Amino acid sequence: MVGGKAQIFDNDLLKLIFNATPIVQLADNAAVSPLTFLYFSLHTTDPGIGGDQTTNEATYTGYARVPVARTASGFVVTGNACVLAGPVAFPTPTGGAGQVLQWFGLGFALGGTGKLMYRGPITPTITIVNTIAPVLTTGTTITEN
């Protein structure tokens, strides 16, 4: 197919997903129980396009997914890109030192399989050190194109 989405729609789509901002006449956030948070996960390798939030997920002792609000205080959307409004710190490891985290995921669930919406590489990768919390920075970017 020649062409694709217009950039303004890329921006609208990201604002719908990450800031719960309606796309007039197309999509809104009026579900009975709309998601108020999206959940970041960490992965040792790429969870892949068919994976879920548990695929290659981190297993260090103390690990848990981290919720981020679907608002402008959680995510900043500009053009066709979305970045974290602030750093996202994961629980501090108490075991599992040496595990290398190469990918992040973003999905619907705090626990369990969960639908994986976006995934991306962590640059530089994070090597688990006990007593030092892994952090995704505001340089973590999701694009729509």
C-alpha atoms as a PDB file:
ATOM      1  CA  MET A   1       0.000   0.000   0.000  1.00  0.00           C
ATOM      2  CA  VAL A   2       1.276   3.456  -0.854  1.00  0.00           C
ATOM      3  CA  GLY A   3       0.829   6.045   1.842  1.00  0.00           C
ATOM      4  CA  GLY A   4      -0.103   5.522   5.469  1.00  0.00           C
ATOM      5  CA  LYS A   5      -1.554   7.411   8.393  1.00  0.00           C
ATOM      6  CA  ALA A   6      -1.334  11.181   8.457  1.00  0.00           C
ATOM      7  CA  GLN A   7       0.965  12.592  11.163  1.00  0.00           C
ATOM      8  CA  ILE A   8      -1.925  14.373  12.899  1.00  0.00           C
ATOM      9  CA  PHE A   9      -3.666  11.011  13.272  1.00  0.00           C
ATOM     10  CA  ASP A  10      -0.449   9.446  14.645  1.00  0.00           C
ATOM     11  CA  ASN A  11      -0.529  12.171  17.313  1.00  0.00           C
ATOM     12  CA  ASP A  12      -4.269  11.659  17.975  1.00  0.00           C
ATOM     13  CA  LEU A  13      -3.785   7.903  18.306  1.00  0.00           C
ATOM     14  CA  LEU A  14      -0.915   8.280  20.779  1.00  0.00           C
ATOM     15  CA  LYS A  15      -2.914  10.807  22.835  1.00  0.00           C
ATOM     16  CA  LEU A  16      -5.870   8.387  22.932  1.00  0.00           C
ATOM     17  CA  ILE A  17      -3.677   5.518  24.148  1.00  0.00           C
ATOM     18  CA  PHE A  18      -1.341   7.374  26.509  1.00  0.00           C
ATOM     19  CA  ASN A  19      -3.349  10.396  27.713  1.00  0.00           C
ATOM     20  CA  ALA A  20      -6.935   9.026  27.423  1.00  0.00           C
ATOM     21  CA  THR A  21      -7.777  11.930  25.075  1.00  0.00           C
ATOM     22  CA  PRO A  22     -10.751  11.119  22.782  1.00  0.00           C
ATOM     23  CA  ILE A  23     -10.533  11.191  19.000  1.00  0.00           C
ATOM     24  CA  VAL A  24     -13.732  13.063  18.160  1.00  0.00           C
ATOM     25  CA  GLN A  25     -16.217  11.001  16.124  1.00  0.00           C
ATOM     26  CA  LEU A  26     -13.973   7.925  16.245  1.00  0.00           C
ATOM     27  CA  ALA A  27     -12.874   6.805  19.708  1.00  0.00           C
ATOM     28  CA  ASP A  28     -13.443   7.841  23.268  1.00  0.00           C
ATOM     29  CA  ASN A  29     -12.543   6.787  26.775  1.00  0.00           C
ATOM     30  CA  ALA A  30     -16.143   6.293  27.934  1.00  0.00           C
ATOM     31  CA  ALA A  31     -15.948   2.567  28.705  1.00  0.00           C
ATOM     32  CA  VAL A  32     -17.480   1.463  32.003  1.00  0.00           C
ATOM     33  CA  SER A  33     -13.991   0.874  33.434  1.00  0.00           C
ATOM     34  CA  PRO A  34     -11.406   2.488  31.139  1.00  0.00           C
ATOM     35  CA  LEU A  35      -7.759   1.799  31.876  1.00  0.00           C
ATOM     36  CA  THR A  36      -6.337   4.523  34.080  1.00  0.00           C
ATOM     37  CA  PHE A  37      -2.821   3.044  34.029  1.00  0.00           C
ATOM     38  CA  LEU A  38      -0.579   1.272  31.554  1.00  0.00           C
ATOM     39  CA  TYR A  39       2.007  -1.151  32.915  1.00  0.00           C
ATOM     40  CA  PHE A  40       5.709  -1.215  32.064  1.00  0.00           C
ATOM     41  CA  SER A  41       7.524  -4.545  32.094  1.00  0.00           C
ATOM     42  CA  LEU A  42      11.204  -5.416  31.648  1.00  0.00           C
ATOM     43  CA  HIS A  43      12.441  -8.226  29.393  1.00  0.00           C
ATOM     44  CA  THR A  44      15.700 -10.102  28.948  1.00  0.00           C
ATOM     45  CA  THR A  45      15.212 -10.339  25.156  1.00  0.00           C
ATOM     46  CA  ASP A  46      12.672  -9.081  22.628  1.00  0.00           C
ATOM     47  CA  PRO A  47       9.199 -10.374  23.568  1.00  0.00           C
ATOM     48  CA  GLY A  48       8.413 -10.304  19.833  1.00  0.00           C
ATOM     49  CA  ILE A  49       5.360  -9.149  17.932  1.00  0.00           C
ATOM     50  CA  GLY A  50       3.361 -12.199  19.073  1.00  0.00           C
ATOM     51  CA  GLY A  51       4.458 -12.094  22.707  1.00  0.00           C
ATOM     52  CA  ASP A  52       2.620 -11.012  25.821  1.00  0.00           C
ATOM     53  CA  GLN A  53       3.853  -9.259  28.950  1.00  0.00           C
ATOM     54  CA  THR A  54       5.293 -12.500  30.379  1.00  0.00           C
ATOM     55  CA  THR A  55       7.379 -13.347  27.297  1.00  0.00           C
ATOM     56  CA  ASN A  56      11.063 -13.184  28.317  1.00  0.00           C
ATOM     57  CA  GLU A  57      10.034 -11.073  31.322  1.00  0.00           C
ATOM     58  CA  ALA A  58      12.563 -10.199  34.033  1.00  0.00           C
ATOM     59  CA  THR A  59      12.788 -12.655  36.916  1.00  0.00           C
ATOM     60  CA  TYR A  60      15.051 -10.927  39.441  1.00  0.00           C
ATOM     61  CA  THR A  61      13.950 -11.214  43.077  1.00  0.00           C
ATOM     62  CA  GLY A  62      11.649  -8.322  43.919  1.00  0.00           C
ATOM     63  CA  TYR A  63      10.663  -7.587  40.289  1.00  0.00           C
ATOM     64  CA  ALA A  64       7.184  -6.268  39.532  1.00  0.00           C
ATOM     65  CA  ARG A  65       5.629  -4.298  36.692  1.00  0.00           C
ATOM     66  CA  VAL A  66       5.212  -0.576  37.214  1.00  0.00           C
ATOM     67  CA  PRO A  67       1.992   1.395  36.544  1.00  0.00           C
ATOM     68  CA  VAL A  68       2.123   4.752  34.774  1.00  0.00           C
ATOM     69  CA  ALA A  69      -0.969   6.982  34.594  1.00  0.00           C
ATOM     70  CA  ARG A  70      -2.667   7.475  31.226  1.00  0.00           C
ATOM     71  CA  THR A  71      -2.375  11.243  31.548  1.00  0.00           C
ATOM     72  CA  ALA A  72      -0.025  14.032  30.537  1.00  0.00           C
ATOM     73  CA  SER A  73       1.680  13.572  33.915  1.00  0.00           C
ATOM     74  CA  GLY A  74       2.606  10.018  32.861  1.00  0.00           C
ATOM     75  CA  PHE A  75       3.317  10.438  29.157  1.00  0.00           C
ATOM     76  CA  VAL A  76       4.183  13.400  26.926  1.00  0.00           C
ATOM     77  CA  VAL A  77       2.917  13.110  23.344  1.00  0.00           C
ATOM     78  CA  THR A  78       4.365  15.334  20.620  1.00  0.00           C
ATOM     79  CA  GLY A  79       4.042  14.729  16.888  1.00  0.00           C
ATOM     80  CA  ASN A  80       4.206  10.986  16.347  1.00  0.00           C
ATOM     81  CA  ALA A  81       6.258  10.276  19.494  1.00  0.00           C
ATOM     82  CA  CYS A  82       5.481   9.552  23.129  1.00  0.00           C
ATOM     83  CA  VAL A  83       8.034   9.810  25.935  1.00  0.00           C
ATOM     84  CA  LEU A  84       7.838   9.247  29.656  1.00  0.00           C
ATOM     85  CA  ALA A  85       7.017  12.416  31.594  1.00  0.00           C
ATOM     86  CA  GLY A  86       9.390  11.235  34.340  1.00  0.00           C
ATOM     87  CA  PRO A  87      11.671   8.299  35.093  1.00  0.00           C
ATOM     88  CA  VAL A  88      10.045   4.945  35.876  1.00  0.00           C
ATOM     89  CA  ALA A  89      11.810   3.101  38.704  1.00  0.00           C
ATOM     90  CA  PHE A  90      11.217  -0.620  39.141  1.00  0.00           C
ATOM     91  CA  PRO A  91      11.418  -2.408  42.498  1.00  0.00           C
ATOM     92  CA  THR A  92      14.905  -2.785  43.932  1.00  0.00           C
ATOM     93  CA  PRO A  93      16.412  -6.232  43.320  1.00  0.00           C
ATOM     94  CA  THR A  94      17.264  -8.400  46.310  1.00  0.00           C
ATOM     95  CA  GLY A  95      18.485 -11.281  44.131  1.00  0.00           C
ATOM     96  CA  GLY A  96      19.168 -12.111  40.492  1.00  0.00           C
ATOM     97  CA  ALA A  97      22.290  -9.975  40.085  1.00  0.00           C
ATOM     98  CA  GLY A  98      23.766 -10.207  36.612  1.00  0.00           C
ATOM     99  CA  GLN A  99      20.455 -10.591  34.748  1.00  0.00           C
ATOM    100  CA  VAL A 100      20.620  -8.366  31.657  1.00  0.00           C
ATOM    101  CA  LEU A 101      17.473  -6.461  30.659  1.00  0.00           C
ATOM    102  CA  GLN A 102      17.420  -5.520  26.997  1.00  0.00           C
ATOM    103  CA  TRP A 103      13.769  -4.659  26.238  1.00  0.00           C
ATOM    104  CA  PHE A 104      10.839  -2.865  27.840  1.00  0.00           C
ATOM    105  CA  GLY A 105       7.212  -3.691  27.284  1.00  0.00           C
ATOM    106  CA  LEU A 106       4.038  -1.707  27.834  1.00  0.00           C
ATOM    107  CA  GLY A 107       0.741  -3.417  28.351  1.00  0.00           C
ATOM    108  CA  PHE A 108      -2.624  -3.687  30.062  1.00  0.00           C
ATOM    109  CA  ALA A 109      -1.873  -5.822  33.129  1.00  0.00           C
ATOM    110  CA  LEU A 110      -0.137  -5.404  36.477  1.00  0.00           C
ATOM    111  CA  GLY A 111       0.372  -9.186  36.566  1.00  0.00           C
ATOM    112  CA  GLY A 112      -0.190 -12.276  34.421  1.00  0.00           C
ATOM    113  CA  THR A 113      -0.028 -12.603  30.667  1.00  0.00           C
ATOM    114  CA  GLY A 114      -1.391  -9.145  29.815  1.00  0.00           C
ATOM    115  CA  LYS A 115      -1.776  -7.735  26.316  1.00  0.00           C
ATOM    116  CA  LEU A 116       1.533  -6.290  25.111  1.00  0.00           C
ATOM    117  CA  MET A 117       0.839  -3.023  23.257  1.00  0.00           C
ATOM    118  CA  TYR A 118       4.354  -1.722  22.613  1.00  0.00           C
ATOM    119  CA  ARG A 119       7.877  -3.007  23.086  1.00  0.00           C
ATOM    120  CA  GLY A 120      11.295  -1.482  22.515  1.00  0.00           C
ATOM    121  CA  PRO A 121      14.997  -1.888  23.203  1.00  0.00           C
ATOM    122  CA  ILE A 122      16.573  -0.465  26.356  1.00  0.00           C
ATOM    123  CA  THR A 123      19.658   1.552  25.446  1.00  0.00           C
ATOM    124  CA  PRO A 124      21.986   1.061  27.151  1.00  0.00           C
ATOM    125  CA  THR A 125      20.895  -2.298  28.512  1.00  0.00           C
ATOM    126  CA  ILE A 126      20.429  -2.664  32.272  1.00  0.00           C
ATOM    127  CA  THR A 127      22.425  -5.256  34.206  1.00  0.00           C
ATOM    128  CA  ILE A 128      20.788  -6.116  37.514  1.00  0.00           C
ATOM    129  CA  VAL A 129      22.801  -5.186  40.586  1.00  0.00           C
ATOM    130  CA  ASN A 130      21.262  -6.113  43.932  1.00  0.00           C
ATOM    131  CA  THR A 131      20.105  -3.025  45.888  1.00  0.00           C
ATOM    132  CA  ILE A 132      20.065  -0.759  42.772  1.00  0.00           C
ATOM    133  CA  ALA A 133      16.638  -0.208  41.199  1.00  0.00           C
ATOM    134  CA  PRO A 134      16.417  -0.467  37.389  1.00  0.00           C
ATOM    135  CA  VAL A 135      15.075   2.758  35.831  1.00  0.00           C
ATOM    136  CA  LEU A 136      13.577   3.647  32.452  1.00  0.00           C
ATOM    137  CA  THR A 137      14.417   7.269  31.671  1.00  0.00           C
ATOM    138  CA  THR A 138      12.504  10.045  29.946  1.00  0.00           C
ATOM    139  CA  GLY A 139      14.496   9.076  26.843  1.00  0.00           C
ATOM    140  CA  THR A 140      12.271   5.985  26.554  1.00  0.00           C
ATOM    141  CA  THR A 141      10.341   6.709  23.354  1.00  0.00           C
ATOM    142  CA  ILE A 142       7.387   5.089  21.600  1.00  0.00           C
ATOM    143  CA  THR A 143       6.598   6.215  18.064  1.00  0.00           C
ATOM    144  CA  GLU A 144       3.652   5.705  15.766  1.00  0.00           C
ATOM    145  CA  ASN A 145       4.234   5.871  12.016  1.00  0.00           C
END
